[in-house]
Each structure stands twice: as C-alpha cells, then as structure tokens.
Amino acid sequence: MRTVKALQITEAVRDLAVAAAHDLEPDILDALVAARDRETSPLAKNILECLMHNADIASREEIPLCQDTGICVIFVTLGQDVQVEGDLTAAIQEGARRGYEEGFLRKSVCDVMTRINTETNVPAVVHVEIEPGERCRILLLPKGCGSENMSVLKMLSPSAGISGVMDFIVDTVVGAGPDSCPPLVVGVGIGGTFEKAALMAKRALLRPLGQPSKRVDIAGIEEEILARINRRGRGVLGLGGCNTALAVHIDTFPTHIGALPVAVNIQCHSHRHKEVNL
C-alpha cells in the first residue's frame, strides 16, 4: 500500500493548470509544423506561422496561449493500492483554484442558472478511475468553450450504419466553421450509452496526436474521416485551406442492439493538456 498526501495532489494540480496554460505538448507543435508545410493556401500558411509564433511567445514569457483559459477537466487514475491521506476531491479542487489564482489565469466558471462567476474557476470537472496497482496519474485538460460549444452528441438509429456515423462526424466538424478555432483535434466516442459516448469522446482527445486506433478497422475510419473533413476546405480559422483538422481520434464501446450513440468533442488548435504520475 502506498500513501499519497492530499497536499501533493493539490500542488500537482496547481502546477498542471499553470503549465497547461502556457505550453503546448510537442506532438501538437509538430502537427502544426506539418500542417504549415503541406498547406496550399498562402493565407492559411501565414496563420499557421502566427499560431506557432504565439505558442513560442506563450512558452518563453509564461503567459496564456489563449485568453480563454478554459474550464478544467481532470482525469485521475488511482491504483487500488494507493491510499490518499486526506480528501481527494477537495485536494483536486484546491489545486485547480490555486493554479488559476496564482497563475493569473482568466476565471471563466459561473453558476449555470444565475451566470454569476464563481471567481475561482472551480469547480473543475473531475473523473476518477480505479485500476490495479500503485499508480496515481493526474491529467488536466483546460477546455475552452469556443470549441466545446460546437461539440455534439446524437443517438443515431443502428440503421444509420458506419456510413451514417461518418457523415454525422464530418458534418458536425465542418458545420462548426470558424467558431471552433481550427485546425482542430476531433475526439469521437461511439457506442456504450449517452454518457459513455461523451466521456469517450473527451478522453479520445488525449491520445498522442495522430496515433491511430489499435483497431485496424477504426484506424482506417479515422483516416478517411480526417481526409473528408479537410477536403471540405473550411481550413485554418475557417478561412480556407486544407487543414481544418489535425487529427481524428475514435474510441468505441459495445452498445445495446437498439442504440448507436455517437459523440463528437471538438478541440481547438490550442490543444492544452498536461499530466503527472505521482
């Protein structure tokens, strides 16, 4: 049995919140470079250069990549042989609060009915998964709502088939237009139930960018959907070109014979996320 103190968790979440606001992961930066190199539109190529320049400034000067520093979505994977000394949920929320306060990050979370700002950017949305072993892994995803607002979940009829699923995903992403700040990362959850599909779509965003599904058939569908999205020509920031999306990641789960849930969670070009193993 291994013990992790609540204070360790708070400090880790605080550090993740600040780092995620300032620094893109290498796979995202590499994808932006690759998009620039293959871009056919001079305007889109110039915008991609600006996005990379923005990322460089944000990292060097430790300032937010985007003015929308998002609502925190936090995934915790906790080994069943780990004992948390203290209140796990309270420790996570305090870490998120401190990160936004001490990192001088915009606080955007408000009461859903009154629209009064909580002035702390908490509560964060927290998902905890128990697994065997002694690992305590925390992953923080600040989700801006320009892209989140364009995300969609639909309960399709099984008769729609794979072609209907693909059409729905492509139409959702292309229909988002400039509002989702492309080039995008597209997370998709297919199967399970209403809430399972949405959670899979969110988690799919966190797969290393462009890493195909382990299922060969799904990997082929990811590749085809990405090509179809980019052929539609919405392009960078909706101003044309061949880079509407950088990647499509699909996760699946068995479902009921009468159901076909499909969730599309869209992420903007400022795909911020950080993780730590305590």
C-alpha atoms as a PDB file:
ATOM      1  CA  MET A   1       0.000   0.000   0.000  1.00  0.00           C
ATOM      2  CA  ARG A   2       1.375   3.415  -0.984  1.00  0.00           C
ATOM      3  CA  THR A   3       0.266   6.695   0.581  1.00  0.00           C
ATOM      4  CA  VAL A   4      -0.179   9.942  -1.336  1.00  0.00           C
ATOM      5  CA  LYS A   5      -0.829  13.077   0.686  1.00  0.00           C
ATOM      6  CA  ALA A   6      -3.652  15.405  -0.310  1.00  0.00           C
ATOM      7  CA  LEU A   7      -1.189  18.299  -0.371  1.00  0.00           C
ATOM      8  CA  GLN A   8       0.870  16.515  -3.049  1.00  0.00           C
ATOM      9  CA  ILE A   9      -2.231  16.259  -5.203  1.00  0.00           C
ATOM     10  CA  THR A  10      -3.111  19.915  -4.679  1.00  0.00           C
ATOM     11  CA  GLU A  11       0.390  21.043  -5.632  1.00  0.00           C
ATOM     12  CA  ALA A  12       0.449  18.762  -8.681  1.00  0.00           C
ATOM     13  CA  VAL A  13      -2.898  20.043  -9.983  1.00  0.00           C
ATOM     14  CA  ARG A  14      -1.812  23.628  -9.380  1.00  0.00           C
ATOM     15  CA  ASP A  15       1.365  23.106 -11.407  1.00  0.00           C
ATOM     16  CA  LEU A  16      -0.501  21.298 -14.198  1.00  0.00           C
ATOM     17  CA  ALA A  17      -3.034  24.135 -14.533  1.00  0.00           C
ATOM     18  CA  VAL A  18      -0.310  26.745 -14.939  1.00  0.00           C
ATOM     19  CA  ALA A  19       1.871  24.661 -17.276  1.00  0.00           C
ATOM     20  CA  ALA A  20      -1.049  23.689 -19.491  1.00  0.00           C
ATOM     21  CA  ALA A  21      -1.990  27.346 -19.984  1.00  0.00           C
ATOM     22  CA  HIS A  22       1.498  28.227 -21.229  1.00  0.00           C
ATOM     23  CA  ASP A  23       2.961  25.218 -23.056  1.00  0.00           C
ATOM     24  CA  LEU A  24       1.690  23.059 -25.905  1.00  0.00           C
ATOM     25  CA  GLU A  25       2.835  19.444 -25.967  1.00  0.00           C
ATOM     26  CA  PRO A  26       5.499  18.524 -28.595  1.00  0.00           C
ATOM     27  CA  ASP A  27       3.058  16.420 -30.624  1.00  0.00           C
ATOM     28  CA  ILE A  28       0.756  19.425 -31.077  1.00  0.00           C
ATOM     29  CA  LEU A  29       3.621  21.677 -32.129  1.00  0.00           C
ATOM     30  CA  ASP A  30       4.868  19.035 -34.574  1.00  0.00           C
ATOM     31  CA  ALA A  31       1.371  18.728 -36.049  1.00  0.00           C
ATOM     32  CA  LEU A  32       1.154  22.485 -36.593  1.00  0.00           C
ATOM     33  CA  VAL A  33       4.536  22.451 -38.366  1.00  0.00           C
ATOM     34  CA  ALA A  34       3.402  19.570 -40.579  1.00  0.00           C
ATOM     35  CA  ALA A  35       0.143  21.391 -41.342  1.00  0.00           C
ATOM     36  CA  ARG A  36       2.057  24.513 -42.363  1.00  0.00           C
ATOM     37  CA  ASP A  37       4.359  22.519 -44.622  1.00  0.00           C
ATOM     38  CA  ARG A  38       1.504  20.838 -46.509  1.00  0.00           C
ATOM     39  CA  GLU A  39      -0.811  23.869 -46.583  1.00  0.00           C
ATOM     40  CA  THR A  40      -1.826  25.018 -50.071  1.00  0.00           C
ATOM     41  CA  SER A  41      -3.402  28.342 -49.101  1.00  0.00           C
ATOM     42  CA  PRO A  42      -0.928  31.234 -48.589  1.00  0.00           C
ATOM     43  CA  LEU A  43      -3.311  32.858 -46.095  1.00  0.00           C
ATOM     44  CA  ALA A  44      -3.722  29.666 -44.075  1.00  0.00           C
ATOM     45  CA  LYS A  45       0.030  29.048 -44.150  1.00  0.00           C
ATOM     46  CA  ASN A  46       0.615  32.538 -42.753  1.00  0.00           C
ATOM     47  CA  ILE A  47      -1.942  31.990 -39.975  1.00  0.00           C
ATOM     48  CA  LEU A  48      -0.284  28.714 -39.007  1.00  0.00           C
ATOM     49  CA  GLU A  49       3.020  30.568 -38.757  1.00  0.00           C
ATOM     50  CA  CYS A  50       1.306  33.076 -36.458  1.00  0.00           C
ATOM     51  CA  LEU A  51      -0.087  30.273 -34.286  1.00  0.00           C
ATOM     52  CA  MET A  52       3.363  28.762 -33.864  1.00  0.00           C
ATOM     53  CA  HIS A  53       4.834  32.188 -33.100  1.00  0.00           C
ATOM     54  CA  ASN A  54       2.100  32.696 -30.499  1.00  0.00           C
ATOM     55  CA  ALA A  55       2.946  29.328 -28.897  1.00  0.00           C
ATOM     56  CA  ASP A  56       6.615  30.276 -28.740  1.00  0.00           C
ATOM     57  CA  ILE A  57       5.878  33.614 -27.049  1.00  0.00           C
ATOM     58  CA  ALA A  58       3.478  31.996 -24.560  1.00  0.00           C
ATOM     59  CA  SER A  59       6.052  29.407 -23.543  1.00  0.00           C
ATOM     60  CA  ARG A  60       9.004  31.794 -23.286  1.00  0.00           C
ATOM     61  CA  GLU A  61       7.154  34.543 -21.425  1.00  0.00           C
ATOM     62  CA  GLU A  62       4.928  32.212 -19.386  1.00  0.00           C
ATOM     63  CA  ILE A  63       1.659  33.783 -20.485  1.00  0.00           C
ATOM     64  CA  PRO A  64      -1.534  32.023 -21.599  1.00  0.00           C
ATOM     65  CA  LEU A  65      -1.682  30.627 -25.125  1.00  0.00           C
ATOM     66  CA  CYS A  66      -5.280  31.854 -25.373  1.00  0.00           C
ATOM     67  CA  GLN A  67      -7.368  34.372 -23.437  1.00  0.00           C
ATOM     68  CA  ASP A  68      -9.903  31.585 -22.828  1.00  0.00           C
ATOM     69  CA  THR A  69      -8.036  29.538 -20.236  1.00  0.00           C
ATOM     70  CA  GLY A  70     -10.952  27.134 -20.086  1.00  0.00           C
ATOM     71  CA  ILE A  71     -12.806  25.032 -17.564  1.00  0.00           C
ATOM     72  CA  CYS A  72     -10.612  22.319 -16.054  1.00  0.00           C
ATOM     73  CA  VAL A  73     -11.417  18.726 -16.916  1.00  0.00           C
ATOM     74  CA  ILE A  74      -9.311  16.435 -14.736  1.00  0.00           C
ATOM     75  CA  PHE A  75      -8.844  12.695 -15.165  1.00  0.00           C
ATOM     76  CA  VAL A  76      -7.416  10.788 -12.206  1.00  0.00           C
ATOM     77  CA  THR A  77      -6.297   7.174 -12.498  1.00  0.00           C
ATOM     78  CA  LEU A  78      -5.875   5.821  -8.984  1.00  0.00           C
ATOM     79  CA  GLY A  79      -4.373   2.446  -8.173  1.00  0.00           C
ATOM     80  CA  GLN A  80      -6.375   0.364  -5.730  1.00  0.00           C
ATOM     81  CA  ASP A  81      -3.207   0.019  -3.638  1.00  0.00           C
ATOM     82  CA  VAL A  82      -2.906   3.782  -3.209  1.00  0.00           C
ATOM     83  CA  GLN A  83      -4.242   5.409  -0.074  1.00  0.00           C
ATOM     84  CA  VAL A  84      -4.948   9.133  -0.299  1.00  0.00           C
ATOM     85  CA  GLU A  85      -4.218  10.824   3.008  1.00  0.00           C
ATOM     86  CA  GLY A  86      -6.964  13.429   3.034  1.00  0.00           C
ATOM     87  CA  ASP A  87      -9.886  14.375   0.799  1.00  0.00           C
ATOM     88  CA  LEU A  88      -9.070  13.550  -2.845  1.00  0.00           C
ATOM     89  CA  THR A  89     -11.827  15.682  -4.379  1.00  0.00           C
ATOM     90  CA  ALA A  90     -11.135  18.688  -2.167  1.00  0.00           C
ATOM     91  CA  ALA A  91      -7.406  18.423  -2.924  1.00  0.00           C
ATOM     92  CA  ILE A  92      -8.045  18.461  -6.679  1.00  0.00           C
ATOM     93  CA  GLN A  93     -10.407  21.425  -6.495  1.00  0.00           C
ATOM     94  CA  GLU A  94      -7.998  23.393  -4.311  1.00  0.00           C
ATOM     95  CA  GLY A  95      -5.196  22.705  -6.792  1.00  0.00           C
ATOM     96  CA  ALA A  96      -7.289  23.995  -9.674  1.00  0.00           C
ATOM     97  CA  ARG A  97      -8.272  27.078  -7.668  1.00  0.00           C
ATOM     98  CA  ARG A  98      -4.670  27.836  -6.766  1.00  0.00           C
ATOM     99  CA  GLY A  99      -3.475  27.292 -10.310  1.00  0.00           C
ATOM    100  CA  TYR A 100      -5.861  29.854 -11.745  1.00  0.00           C
ATOM    101  CA  GLU A 101      -5.300  32.311  -8.898  1.00  0.00           C
ATOM    102  CA  GLU A 102      -1.516  32.078  -8.664  1.00  0.00           C
ATOM    103  CA  GLY A 103      -1.035  31.680 -12.403  1.00  0.00           C
ATOM    104  CA  PHE A 104      -3.114  34.823 -13.127  1.00  0.00           C
ATOM    105  CA  LEU A 105      -5.350  32.834 -15.476  1.00  0.00           C
ATOM    106  CA  ARG A 106      -8.775  34.056 -16.553  1.00  0.00           C
ATOM    107  CA  LYS A 107     -11.553  32.697 -14.361  1.00  0.00           C
ATOM    108  CA  SER A 108     -14.477  31.719 -16.566  1.00  0.00           C
ATOM    109  CA  VAL A 109     -16.593  29.346 -14.465  1.00  0.00           C
ATOM    110  CA  CYS A 110     -20.024  30.590 -13.434  1.00  0.00           C
ATOM    111  CA  ASP A 111     -23.232  29.303 -11.885  1.00  0.00           C
ATOM    112  CA  VAL A 112     -25.214  27.768 -14.727  1.00  0.00           C
ATOM    113  CA  MET A 113     -28.515  29.401 -13.679  1.00  0.00           C
ATOM    114  CA  THR A 114     -27.542  32.844 -12.370  1.00  0.00           C
ATOM    115  CA  ARG A 115     -24.435  33.182 -14.617  1.00  0.00           C
ATOM    116  CA  ILE A 116     -22.607  34.689 -11.629  1.00  0.00           C
ATOM    117  CA  ASN A 117     -18.879  33.975 -11.831  1.00  0.00           C
ATOM    118  CA  THR A 118     -17.504  31.744  -9.066  1.00  0.00           C
ATOM    119  CA  GLU A 119     -14.351  33.918  -9.219  1.00  0.00           C
ATOM    120  CA  THR A 120     -12.166  30.832  -8.681  1.00  0.00           C
ATOM    121  CA  ASN A 121     -12.588  28.857 -11.928  1.00  0.00           C
ATOM    122  CA  VAL A 122     -13.768  25.926  -9.848  1.00  0.00           C
ATOM    123  CA  PRO A 123     -15.401  23.534  -9.545  1.00  0.00           C
ATOM    124  CA  ALA A 124     -13.388  21.565 -12.060  1.00  0.00           C
ATOM    125  CA  VAL A 125     -14.973  18.575 -13.788  1.00  0.00           C
ATOM    126  CA  VAL A 126     -13.310  15.510 -12.262  1.00  0.00           C
ATOM    127  CA  HIS A 127     -13.323  11.880 -13.408  1.00  0.00           C
ATOM    128  CA  VAL A 128     -11.731   9.214 -11.196  1.00  0.00           C
ATOM    129  CA  GLU A 129     -10.955   5.711 -12.445  1.00  0.00           C
ATOM    130  CA  ILE A 130      -9.717   2.899 -10.183  1.00  0.00           C
ATOM    131  CA  GLU A 131      -7.189   0.404 -11.544  1.00  0.00           C
ATOM    132  CA  PRO A 132      -4.942  -2.316 -10.060  1.00  0.00           C
ATOM    133  CA  GLY A 133      -1.558  -1.271  -8.712  1.00  0.00           C
ATOM    134  CA  GLU A 134       0.017   1.767  -7.095  1.00  0.00           C
ATOM    135  CA  ARG A 135      -0.185   4.405  -9.804  1.00  0.00           C
ATOM    136  CA  CYS A 136      -1.630   7.858  -9.172  1.00  0.00           C
ATOM    137  CA  ARG A 137      -1.893   9.624 -12.524  1.00  0.00           C
ATOM    138  CA  ILE A 138      -3.450  13.067 -12.930  1.00  0.00           C
ATOM    139  CA  LEU A 139      -4.236  14.549 -16.329  1.00  0.00           C
ATOM    140  CA  LEU A 140      -5.542  18.094 -16.697  1.00  0.00           C
ATOM    141  CA  LEU A 141      -7.311  19.371 -19.807  1.00  0.00           C
ATOM    142  CA  PRO A 142      -8.325  23.053 -19.822  1.00  0.00           C
ATOM    143  CA  LYS A 143     -11.293  23.115 -22.215  1.00  0.00           C
ATOM    144  CA  GLY A 144     -12.077  26.400 -23.910  1.00  0.00           C
ATOM    145  CA  CYS A 145     -15.713  26.767 -24.812  1.00  0.00           C
ATOM    146  CA  GLY A 146     -15.387  28.089 -28.344  1.00  0.00           C
ATOM    147  CA  SER A 147     -14.690  24.519 -29.382  1.00  0.00           C
ATOM    148  CA  GLU A 148     -16.675  22.848 -26.590  1.00  0.00           C
ATOM    149  CA  ASN A 149     -19.823  24.683 -27.675  1.00  0.00           C
ATOM    150  CA  MET A 150     -19.572  23.142 -31.156  1.00  0.00           C
ATOM    151  CA  SER A 151     -19.410  19.589 -29.801  1.00  0.00           C
ATOM    152  CA  VAL A 152     -22.431  17.347 -30.386  1.00  0.00           C
ATOM    153  CA  LEU A 153     -23.853  14.032 -29.178  1.00  0.00           C
ATOM    154  CA  LYS A 154     -26.513  12.207 -31.146  1.00  0.00           C
ATOM    155  CA  MET A 155     -28.354   8.945 -30.620  1.00  0.00           C
ATOM    156  CA  LEU A 156     -28.369   7.541 -34.132  1.00  0.00           C
ATOM    157  CA  SER A 157     -30.507   4.658 -35.269  1.00  0.00           C
ATOM    158  CA  PRO A 158     -28.455   1.473 -35.783  1.00  0.00           C
ATOM    159  CA  SER A 159     -29.756   1.516 -39.360  1.00  0.00           C
ATOM    160  CA  ALA A 160     -27.536   4.577 -39.987  1.00  0.00           C
ATOM    161  CA  GLY A 161     -24.566   2.218 -40.039  1.00  0.00           C
ATOM    162  CA  ILE A 162     -20.931   3.209 -40.303  1.00  0.00           C
ATOM    163  CA  SER A 163     -21.641   5.493 -43.255  1.00  0.00           C
ATOM    164  CA  GLY A 164     -24.197   7.430 -41.207  1.00  0.00           C
ATOM    165  CA  VAL A 165     -21.751   7.720 -38.320  1.00  0.00           C
ATOM    166  CA  MET A 166     -19.064   9.063 -40.640  1.00  0.00           C
ATOM    167  CA  ASP A 167     -21.433  11.556 -42.263  1.00  0.00           C
ATOM    168  CA  PHE A 168     -22.513  12.821 -38.841  1.00  0.00           C
ATOM    169  CA  ILE A 169     -18.920  13.361 -37.680  1.00  0.00           C
ATOM    170  CA  VAL A 170     -17.849  15.133 -40.866  1.00  0.00           C
ATOM    171  CA  ASP A 171     -20.942  17.361 -40.954  1.00  0.00           C
ATOM    172  CA  THR A 172     -20.523  18.277 -37.270  1.00  0.00           C
ATOM    173  CA  VAL A 173     -16.892  19.322 -37.685  1.00  0.00           C
ATOM    174  CA  VAL A 174     -17.370  21.180 -40.960  1.00  0.00           C
ATOM    175  CA  GLY A 175     -20.534  22.826 -39.660  1.00  0.00           C
ATOM    176  CA  ALA A 176     -18.607  24.221 -36.699  1.00  0.00           C
ATOM    177  CA  GLY A 177     -16.898  26.573 -39.135  1.00  0.00           C
ATOM    178  CA  PRO A 178     -14.576  29.195 -37.614  1.00  0.00           C
ATOM    179  CA  ASP A 179     -16.290  29.166 -34.209  1.00  0.00           C
ATOM    180  CA  SER A 180     -14.223  26.202 -33.014  1.00  0.00           C
ATOM    181  CA  CYS A 181     -10.865  27.826 -33.975  1.00  0.00           C
ATOM    182  CA  PRO A 182      -9.488  25.262 -36.449  1.00  0.00           C
ATOM    183  CA  PRO A 183      -7.231  23.443 -37.138  1.00  0.00           C
ATOM    184  CA  LEU A 184      -8.937  21.034 -34.777  1.00  0.00           C
ATOM    185  CA  VAL A 185      -8.410  17.827 -32.882  1.00  0.00           C
ATOM    186  CA  VAL A 186     -11.583  15.734 -33.106  1.00  0.00           C
ATOM    187  CA  GLY A 187     -12.416  13.271 -30.335  1.00  0.00           C
ATOM    188  CA  VAL A 188     -15.166  10.759 -31.086  1.00  0.00           C
ATOM    189  CA  GLY A 189     -16.929   8.262 -28.856  1.00  0.00           C
ATOM    190  CA  ILE A 190     -19.072   5.581 -30.492  1.00  0.00           C
ATOM    191  CA  GLY A 191     -21.169   3.125 -28.501  1.00  0.00           C
ATOM    192  CA  GLY A 192     -21.965   2.483 -24.880  1.00  0.00           C
ATOM    193  CA  THR A 193     -24.692   4.787 -23.583  1.00  0.00           C
ATOM    194  CA  PHE A 194     -25.414   8.511 -23.774  1.00  0.00           C
ATOM    195  CA  GLU A 195     -22.884   9.467 -21.082  1.00  0.00           C
ATOM    196  CA  LYS A 196     -20.298   6.819 -22.041  1.00  0.00           C
ATOM    197  CA  ALA A 197     -20.061   8.117 -25.607  1.00  0.00           C
ATOM    198  CA  ALA A 198     -19.497  11.680 -24.383  1.00  0.00           C
ATOM    199  CA  LEU A 199     -16.790  10.628 -21.939  1.00  0.00           C
ATOM    200  CA  MET A 200     -15.017   8.534 -24.592  1.00  0.00           C
ATOM    201  CA  ALA A 201     -15.034  11.481 -26.973  1.00  0.00           C
ATOM    202  CA  LYS A 202     -13.409  13.695 -24.347  1.00  0.00           C
ATOM    203  CA  ARG A 203     -10.778  11.120 -23.450  1.00  0.00           C
ATOM    204  CA  ALA A 204     -10.027  10.447 -27.118  1.00  0.00           C
ATOM    205  CA  LEU A 205      -8.680  13.996 -27.402  1.00  0.00           C
ATOM    206  CA  LEU A 206      -5.833  12.964 -25.096  1.00  0.00           C
ATOM    207  CA  ARG A 207      -4.400  10.221 -27.260  1.00  0.00           C
ATOM    208  CA  PRO A 208      -0.989  11.257 -28.687  1.00  0.00           C
ATOM    209  CA  LEU A 209      -1.868  13.332 -31.718  1.00  0.00           C
ATOM    210  CA  GLY A 210      -2.307  11.280 -34.859  1.00  0.00           C
ATOM    211  CA  GLN A 211      -1.638   7.954 -33.132  1.00  0.00           C
ATOM    212  CA  PRO A 212      -4.111   5.600 -34.836  1.00  0.00           C
ATOM    213  CA  SER A 213      -6.573   3.402 -33.033  1.00  0.00           C
ATOM    214  CA  LYS A 214      -5.268  -0.029 -32.075  1.00  0.00           C
ATOM    215  CA  ARG A 215      -8.163  -1.498 -34.044  1.00  0.00           C
ATOM    216  CA  VAL A 216      -7.221  -1.583 -37.701  1.00  0.00           C
ATOM    217  CA  ASP A 217     -10.792  -1.031 -38.894  1.00  0.00           C
ATOM    218  CA  ILE A 218     -11.227   2.002 -36.641  1.00  0.00           C
ATOM    219  CA  ALA A 219      -7.845   3.405 -37.682  1.00  0.00           C
ATOM    220  CA  GLY A 220      -8.975   3.274 -41.316  1.00  0.00           C
ATOM    221  CA  ILE A 221     -12.186   5.124 -40.455  1.00  0.00           C
ATOM    222  CA  GLU A 222     -10.216   7.808 -38.572  1.00  0.00           C
ATOM    223  CA  GLU A 223      -8.019   8.344 -41.613  1.00  0.00           C
ATOM    224  CA  GLU A 224     -10.965   8.524 -44.003  1.00  0.00           C
ATOM    225  CA  ILE A 225     -12.925  10.972 -41.840  1.00  0.00           C
ATOM    226  CA  LEU A 226      -9.884  13.245 -41.473  1.00  0.00           C
ATOM    227  CA  ALA A 227      -9.394  13.288 -45.239  1.00  0.00           C
ATOM    228  CA  ARG A 228     -13.080  14.047 -45.843  1.00  0.00           C
ATOM    229  CA  ILE A 229     -13.079  16.901 -43.313  1.00  0.00           C
ATOM    230  CA  ASN A 230     -10.009  18.500 -44.862  1.00  0.00           C
ATOM    231  CA  ARG A 231     -11.295  18.104 -48.417  1.00  0.00           C
ATOM    232  CA  ARG A 232     -14.313  20.250 -47.498  1.00  0.00           C
ATOM    233  CA  GLY A 233     -11.959  23.235 -47.316  1.00  0.00           C
ATOM    234  CA  ARG A 234     -13.102  25.103 -44.191  1.00  0.00           C
ATOM    235  CA  GLY A 235      -9.434  25.453 -43.333  1.00  0.00           C
ATOM    236  CA  VAL A 236      -7.463  27.309 -40.701  1.00  0.00           C
ATOM    237  CA  LEU A 237      -9.745  29.596 -38.640  1.00  0.00           C
ATOM    238  CA  GLY A 238     -12.434  28.925 -41.253  1.00  0.00           C
ATOM    239  CA  LEU A 239     -10.592  30.979 -43.887  1.00  0.00           C
ATOM    240  CA  GLY A 240      -9.905  28.156 -46.327  1.00  0.00           C
ATOM    241  CA  GLY A 241      -7.135  25.697 -47.000  1.00  0.00           C
ATOM    242  CA  CYS A 242      -6.536  22.005 -46.444  1.00  0.00           C
ATOM    243  CA  ASN A 243      -6.087  21.894 -42.663  1.00  0.00           C
ATOM    244  CA  THR A 244      -9.469  22.046 -40.972  1.00  0.00           C
ATOM    245  CA  ALA A 245      -8.439  19.209 -38.643  1.00  0.00           C
ATOM    246  CA  LEU A 246      -5.090  17.862 -37.468  1.00  0.00           C
ATOM    247  CA  ALA A 247      -6.367  14.500 -36.245  1.00  0.00           C
ATOM    248  CA  VAL A 248      -9.456  12.389 -35.638  1.00  0.00           C
ATOM    249  CA  HIS A 249      -9.345  10.010 -32.655  1.00  0.00           C
ATOM    250  CA  ILE A 250     -12.143   7.466 -32.217  1.00  0.00           C
ATOM    251  CA  ASP A 251     -12.842   5.316 -29.152  1.00  0.00           C
ATOM    252  CA  THR A 252     -15.565   2.666 -29.152  1.00  0.00           C
ATOM    253  CA  PHE A 253     -17.531   0.573 -26.668  1.00  0.00           C
ATOM    254  CA  PRO A 254     -20.146  -2.165 -27.100  1.00  0.00           C
ATOM    255  CA  THR A 255     -23.710  -0.863 -27.104  1.00  0.00           C
ATOM    256  CA  HIS A 256     -27.308  -2.051 -26.996  1.00  0.00           C
ATOM    257  CA  ILE A 257     -28.701  -3.692 -30.148  1.00  0.00           C
ATOM    258  CA  GLY A 258     -31.194  -0.838 -30.470  1.00  0.00           C
ATOM    259  CA  ALA A 259     -28.720   2.001 -29.976  1.00  0.00           C
ATOM    260  CA  LEU A 260     -25.907   3.835 -31.770  1.00  0.00           C
ATOM    261  CA  PRO A 261     -24.659   6.747 -29.628  1.00  0.00           C
ATOM    262  CA  VAL A 262     -22.083   8.991 -31.288  1.00  0.00           C
ATOM    263  CA  ALA A 263     -20.380  11.923 -29.543  1.00  0.00           C
ATOM    264  CA  VAL A 264     -18.070  14.410 -31.248  1.00  0.00           C
ATOM    265  CA  ASN A 265     -15.928  16.505 -28.902  1.00  0.00           C
ATOM    266  CA  ILE A 266     -14.103  19.249 -30.771  1.00  0.00           C
ATOM    267  CA  GLN A 267     -10.854  20.780 -29.574  1.00  0.00           C
ATOM    268  CA  CYS A 268      -9.278  23.937 -30.973  1.00  0.00           C
ATOM    269  CA  HIS A 269      -5.726  24.377 -32.241  1.00  0.00           C
ATOM    270  CA  SER A 270      -4.687  25.438 -28.718  1.00  0.00           C
ATOM    271  CA  HIS A 271      -4.875  21.834 -27.515  1.00  0.00           C
ATOM    272  CA  ARG A 272      -3.611  22.283 -23.971  1.00  0.00           C
ATOM    273  CA  HIS A 273      -3.152  19.368 -21.596  1.00  0.00           C
ATOM    274  CA  LYS A 274      -0.612  18.168 -19.046  1.00  0.00           C
ATOM    275  CA  GLU A 275      -0.218  15.063 -16.901  1.00  0.00           C
ATOM    276  CA  VAL A 276       1.834  13.766 -13.998  1.00  0.00           C
ATOM    277  CA  ASN A 277       2.396  10.470 -12.246  1.00  0.00           C
ATOM    278  CA  LEU A 278       2.764  10.962  -8.516  1.00  0.00           C
END
